[in-house]
Amino acid sequence: MRVSKSLGRMIERSGVGVHSGVEGWVRIAPAPHGTGIYVGRAGHPSVRLSPALSRAIPGATVLTLPGGEVSTPEHLLAAIAGLGITDAEIEFGGAEVPVLDGSSRPWCEAIVDAGVIDGPAVRAVAPARLRLVEAAGGWAEVRPAEDLRLRVAIDYDDGPCESVDLMLPRGDFVGEISWARTFVMERDVARLRAAGRGRGANLHNTVVYRGSEAVANPGGLRGPLEAARHKMVDLLGDLALAGVPLRGEVVVVRGTHALHHDLLHAWLERS
């Protein structure tokens, strides 16, 4: 049985968005146990986090909230889910969540520094049966399980081919996964820039791959399988859109935000 978790105090982080390049901030405040996760734009009412608020676009998830949209919350939400936070008020001061160092680790560090307060037991939601979805050249499945067991595999043409596993709540999301940065293939940089993406990206927050090697980043990769580990960050952040703890055995191959969203919607179907 899992326990509910809230924060010891409010935290705030600011910075530019990876796609927009525009400054923004996020505040995460404690909430009483049993409240759930609430999200809102500054100056507008907050609403309970649910898949109905979200949609996938190329390279990001978008939340539609009172007062406007908020893009790219997945690294933040991965930290919320990875550390088991069940009750919090998240306020967005801008249209895109700051990318910080391109990973989920700064959010995890802020939560750990604020302290986590355990509360009563909370139920995790399992799928009613095996679910299988396909989208954008990838596929994913989830089946009932007692824990949350995740496996991610990536297979890029002339790029990294890797897989990584994580089990929650017993696995070490912070140490094993959270530090992996967002990434791009070198051949795609000019195209993505022309499409208006990556205006806030730099070699501090984004790994540039040529084949399976980081070709431009000072110091290279932070660790082995960084690309697959970052895809795990994205998956966990998108699954956190459920707004409740989840349990199930998940396999995702060549995942995208669209595939993650389809998987979550199938997961929560009760028939």
Protein backbone atom coordinates (compact mmCIF):
# COMPACT_ATOMS: atom_id res chain seq x y z
CA MET A 1 0.00 0.00 0.00
CA ARG A 2 1.33 3.43 -0.90
CA VAL A 3 1.08 6.47 1.34
CA SER A 4 0.07 9.99 0.34
CA LYS A 5 2.86 12.58 0.26
CA SER A 6 2.93 16.36 0.42
CA LEU A 7 5.69 18.99 0.59
CA GLY A 8 7.22 20.47 3.69
CA ARG A 9 7.19 24.00 2.24
CA MET A 10 6.65 25.93 -0.98
CA ILE A 11 9.32 25.85 -3.69
CA GLU A 12 9.85 28.05 -6.76
CA ARG A 13 12.06 27.81 -9.85
CA SER A 14 12.38 30.09 -12.87
CA GLY A 15 14.05 30.06 -16.27
CA VAL A 16 13.42 29.91 -20.00
CA GLY A 17 11.27 27.39 -21.82
CA VAL A 18 13.12 24.99 -24.11
CA HIS A 19 10.88 25.66 -27.11
CA SER A 20 9.76 29.28 -26.62
CA GLY A 21 12.94 30.65 -25.06
CA VAL A 22 10.67 32.84 -22.90
CA GLU A 23 11.16 33.32 -19.16
CA GLY A 24 8.68 31.78 -16.76
CA TRP A 25 8.40 30.43 -13.24
CA VAL A 26 6.70 27.65 -11.29
CA ARG A 27 5.63 27.56 -7.64
CA ILE A 28 4.77 24.28 -5.95
CA ALA A 29 2.96 24.63 -2.62
CA PRO A 30 2.04 22.00 -0.03
CA ALA A 31 -1.54 20.75 0.03
CA PRO A 32 -3.37 18.74 2.72
CA HIS A 33 -3.24 14.99 2.30
CA GLY A 34 -6.16 13.81 0.18
CA THR A 35 -6.29 17.01 -1.89
CA GLY A 36 -4.65 15.66 -5.04
CA ILE A 37 -2.54 17.60 -7.55
CA TYR A 38 -3.97 20.97 -8.61
CA VAL A 39 -2.57 23.10 -11.45
CA GLY A 40 -3.26 26.67 -12.53
CA ARG A 41 -1.96 29.77 -14.32
CA ALA A 42 -0.98 32.66 -12.05
CA GLY A 43 -4.00 34.87 -11.34
CA HIS A 44 -6.53 32.24 -12.37
CA PRO A 45 -8.35 29.39 -10.60
CA SER A 46 -6.54 26.08 -10.28
CA VAL A 47 -8.08 22.78 -11.37
CA ARG A 48 -7.39 19.19 -10.48
CA LEU A 49 -4.81 17.56 -12.76
CA SER A 50 -6.34 15.03 -15.15
CA PRO A 51 -5.75 13.69 -18.67
CA ALA A 52 -8.69 15.80 -19.88
CA LEU A 53 -6.51 18.92 -19.45
CA SER A 54 -3.72 17.69 -21.70
CA ARG A 55 -2.81 17.11 -25.32
CA ALA A 56 0.35 16.05 -27.09
CA ILE A 57 2.20 18.17 -29.64
CA PRO A 58 5.53 17.33 -31.34
CA GLY A 59 8.18 17.38 -28.64
CA ALA A 60 5.97 18.32 -25.69
CA THR A 61 2.80 17.96 -23.67
CA VAL A 62 0.44 20.94 -23.30
CA LEU A 63 -2.00 21.67 -20.47
CA THR A 64 -5.12 23.73 -21.21
CA LEU A 65 -5.92 25.67 -18.04
CA PRO A 66 -8.10 28.62 -17.04
CA GLY A 67 -6.14 31.64 -18.25
CA GLY A 68 -4.26 29.87 -21.04
CA GLU A 69 -2.08 26.95 -22.06
CA VAL A 70 1.11 25.75 -20.38
CA SER A 71 3.60 23.76 -22.43
CA THR A 72 6.25 21.22 -21.46
CA PRO A 73 5.31 20.27 -17.87
CA GLU A 74 6.56 16.70 -18.26
CA HIS A 75 9.96 17.02 -16.51
CA LEU A 76 8.30 18.71 -13.52
CA LEU A 77 5.49 16.15 -13.39
CA ALA A 78 8.03 13.32 -13.62
CA ALA A 79 9.64 14.61 -10.42
CA ILE A 80 6.21 14.78 -8.75
CA ALA A 81 5.46 11.18 -9.72
CA GLY A 82 8.99 9.87 -9.23
CA LEU A 83 9.06 11.11 -5.63
CA GLY A 84 5.50 9.96 -4.95
CA ILE A 85 3.97 13.39 -4.34
CA THR A 86 0.18 12.98 -4.28
CA ASP A 87 -0.93 16.38 -2.93
CA ALA A 88 0.31 19.76 -4.16
CA GLU A 89 -0.74 23.08 -5.69
CA ILE A 90 1.29 23.93 -8.82
CA GLU A 91 1.13 27.50 -10.14
CA PHE A 92 2.59 28.41 -13.55
CA GLY A 93 3.88 31.91 -14.18
CA GLY A 94 4.15 31.67 -17.94
CA ALA A 95 3.15 29.69 -21.00
CA GLU A 96 6.03 27.18 -20.79
CA VAL A 97 7.63 25.43 -17.84
CA PRO A 98 11.32 26.35 -17.43
CA VAL A 99 13.64 23.74 -18.93
CA LEU A 100 16.35 24.36 -16.28
CA ASP A 101 19.13 21.86 -17.07
CA GLY A 102 16.98 19.81 -19.46
CA SER A 103 16.28 17.05 -16.96
CA SER A 104 13.98 16.33 -14.03
CA ARG A 105 16.79 16.50 -11.47
CA PRO A 106 16.47 20.20 -10.46
CA TRP A 107 12.79 19.64 -9.68
CA CYS A 108 13.65 16.54 -7.66
CA GLU A 109 16.34 18.41 -5.75
CA ALA A 110 13.90 21.22 -4.93
CA ILE A 111 11.30 18.75 -3.64
CA VAL A 112 13.83 16.85 -1.55
CA ASP A 113 15.16 20.13 -0.13
CA ALA A 114 11.62 21.21 0.80
CA GLY A 115 10.99 17.91 2.57
CA VAL A 116 8.30 15.31 1.96
CA ILE A 117 5.58 14.64 4.55
CA ASP A 118 3.91 11.23 4.56
CA GLY A 119 0.18 10.89 5.11
CA PRO A 120 -2.51 8.20 5.02
CA ALA A 121 -2.55 5.29 2.62
CA VAL A 122 -3.63 6.01 -0.96
CA ARG A 123 -4.91 3.71 -3.68
CA ALA A 124 -2.98 3.25 -6.92
CA VAL A 125 -4.96 2.70 -10.12
CA ALA A 126 -4.24 -0.39 -12.23
CA PRO A 127 -5.58 -1.04 -15.74
CA ALA A 128 -8.66 -3.27 -15.86
CA ARG A 129 -6.84 -5.59 -18.27
CA LEU A 130 -4.00 -5.66 -20.80
CA ARG A 131 -4.00 -2.54 -22.99
CA LEU A 132 -2.02 -2.14 -26.22
CA VAL A 133 -1.73 1.08 -28.25
CA GLU A 134 0.22 2.15 -31.33
CA ALA A 135 1.06 5.64 -32.58
CA ALA A 136 3.70 7.43 -34.67
CA GLY A 137 5.70 4.28 -35.40
CA GLY A 138 5.85 3.13 -31.77
CA TRP A 139 3.81 0.90 -29.50
CA ALA A 140 3.08 0.56 -25.81
CA GLU A 141 1.33 -1.84 -23.51
CA VAL A 142 0.29 -1.94 -19.87
CA ARG A 143 -0.99 -4.86 -17.83
CA PRO A 144 -2.11 -5.10 -14.19
CA ALA A 145 0.69 -5.31 -11.58
CA GLU A 146 1.19 -4.56 -7.89
CA ASP A 147 3.85 -1.88 -8.49
CA LEU A 148 4.60 0.57 -11.28
CA ARG A 149 7.12 -1.19 -13.53
CA LEU A 150 8.33 0.74 -16.56
CA ARG A 151 10.48 -0.33 -19.49
CA VAL A 152 11.44 2.10 -22.26
CA ALA A 153 13.22 1.17 -25.49
CA ILE A 154 14.39 3.57 -28.21
CA ASP A 155 15.65 2.72 -31.68
CA TYR A 156 16.66 5.72 -33.79
CA ASP A 157 17.90 5.46 -37.37
CA ASP A 158 21.59 6.33 -37.10
CA GLY A 159 21.06 7.18 -33.43
CA PRO A 160 20.96 5.67 -29.95
CA CYS A 161 19.41 2.20 -29.55
CA GLU A 162 18.91 1.66 -25.82
CA SER A 163 16.52 0.39 -23.17
CA VAL A 164 16.11 1.07 -19.47
CA ASP A 165 13.86 -0.15 -16.63
CA LEU A 166 12.43 1.49 -13.51
CA MET A 167 10.22 0.21 -10.69
CA LEU A 168 8.30 2.54 -8.39
CA PRO A 169 7.92 3.27 -5.55
CA ARG A 170 10.94 1.12 -4.62
CA GLY A 171 13.24 2.19 -7.47
CA ASP A 172 15.59 5.17 -7.35
CA PHE A 173 14.12 7.65 -9.83
CA VAL A 174 16.37 10.46 -8.59
CA GLY A 175 19.64 8.56 -8.86
CA GLU A 176 18.94 6.38 -11.88
CA ILE A 177 16.73 8.46 -14.17
CA SER A 178 16.09 12.08 -13.19
CA TRP A 179 19.46 13.46 -14.37
CA ALA A 180 19.00 12.52 -18.05
CA ARG A 181 18.64 15.57 -20.32
CA THR A 182 16.44 16.17 -23.30
CA PHE A 183 18.15 15.38 -26.60
CA VAL A 184 18.06 15.94 -30.35
CA MET A 185 19.69 14.38 -33.39
CA GLU A 186 22.22 16.75 -34.98
CA ARG A 187 20.61 16.26 -38.40
CA ASP A 188 17.28 17.60 -37.05
CA VAL A 189 18.49 20.81 -35.38
CA ALA A 190 18.05 23.16 -38.36
CA ARG A 191 14.60 21.76 -39.20
CA LEU A 192 13.36 22.10 -35.63
CA ARG A 193 14.70 25.64 -35.31
CA ALA A 194 12.93 26.58 -38.55
CA ALA A 195 9.71 25.17 -37.10
CA GLY A 196 10.04 27.46 -34.07
CA ARG A 197 11.17 24.78 -31.63
CA GLY A 198 14.24 24.77 -29.41
CA ARG A 199 14.61 28.54 -28.99
CA GLY A 200 15.66 27.99 -25.37
CA ALA A 201 17.81 24.94 -26.06
CA ASN A 202 21.57 25.04 -25.55
CA LEU A 203 24.40 22.60 -24.92
CA HIS A 204 23.79 22.79 -21.16
CA ASN A 205 20.20 21.56 -21.33
CA THR A 206 20.07 19.53 -24.56
CA VAL A 207 22.24 16.62 -25.71
CA VAL A 208 23.08 16.71 -29.44
CA TYR A 209 23.60 13.24 -30.90
CA ARG A 210 25.38 12.19 -34.06
CA GLY A 211 24.80 8.47 -34.19
CA SER A 212 25.00 7.22 -30.62
CA GLU A 213 27.55 9.83 -29.50
CA ALA A 214 27.08 13.27 -27.95
CA VAL A 215 28.96 15.36 -30.49
CA ALA A 216 28.94 18.89 -29.08
CA ASN A 217 28.14 18.83 -25.36
CA PRO A 218 31.00 19.74 -23.01
CA GLY A 219 31.81 16.61 -21.03
CA GLY A 220 29.68 14.41 -23.29
CA LEU A 221 26.92 12.33 -21.70
CA ARG A 222 26.14 12.47 -17.99
CA GLY A 223 25.97 8.69 -17.83
CA PRO A 224 25.16 5.55 -19.79
CA LEU A 225 21.85 5.28 -21.67
CA GLU A 226 21.08 8.96 -21.18
CA ALA A 227 18.71 9.08 -24.16
CA ALA A 228 16.61 6.13 -22.97
CA ARG A 229 16.64 7.47 -19.41
CA HIS A 230 15.29 10.80 -20.65
CA LYS A 231 12.53 9.01 -22.53
CA MET A 232 11.69 7.43 -19.18
CA VAL A 233 11.45 10.95 -17.69
CA ASP A 234 9.02 11.94 -20.45
CA LEU A 235 6.96 8.77 -20.00
CA LEU A 236 6.65 9.17 -16.25
CA GLY A 237 5.77 12.85 -16.62
CA ASP A 238 3.02 12.06 -19.10
CA LEU A 239 1.65 9.24 -16.94
CA ALA A 240 1.54 11.70 -14.02
CA LEU A 241 -1.22 13.51 -15.93
CA ALA A 242 -3.51 10.86 -14.42
CA GLY A 243 -3.41 12.95 -11.25
CA VAL A 244 -3.45 9.80 -9.12
CA PRO A 245 -0.86 7.10 -8.32
CA LEU A 246 -0.69 4.33 -10.91
CA ARG A 247 0.34 0.69 -10.81
CA GLY A 248 0.93 -1.54 -13.80
CA GLU A 249 3.62 -3.18 -15.89
CA VAL A 250 4.45 -0.93 -18.85
CA VAL A 251 6.53 -1.40 -21.99
CA VAL A 252 7.02 1.51 -24.38
CA VAL A 253 8.96 1.14 -27.64
CA ARG A 254 9.81 4.24 -29.70
CA GLY A 255 7.70 6.40 -27.45
CA THR A 256 6.33 9.87 -28.19
CA HIS A 257 4.11 12.16 -26.17
CA ALA A 258 1.20 11.16 -28.41
CA LEU A 259 1.82 7.48 -27.67
CA HIS A 260 2.12 8.13 -23.93
CA HIS A 261 -1.20 10.01 -23.95
CA ASP A 262 -2.93 7.20 -25.84
CA LEU A 263 -1.53 4.69 -23.35
CA LEU A 264 -2.77 6.69 -20.37
CA HIS A 265 -6.27 7.06 -21.78
CA ALA A 266 -6.42 3.31 -22.46
CA TRP A 267 -5.05 2.60 -18.95
CA LEU A 268 -7.85 4.54 -17.28
CA GLU A 269 -10.67 2.90 -19.26
CA ARG A 270 -12.63 0.74 -16.83
CA SER A 271 -14.03 -1.86 -19.24
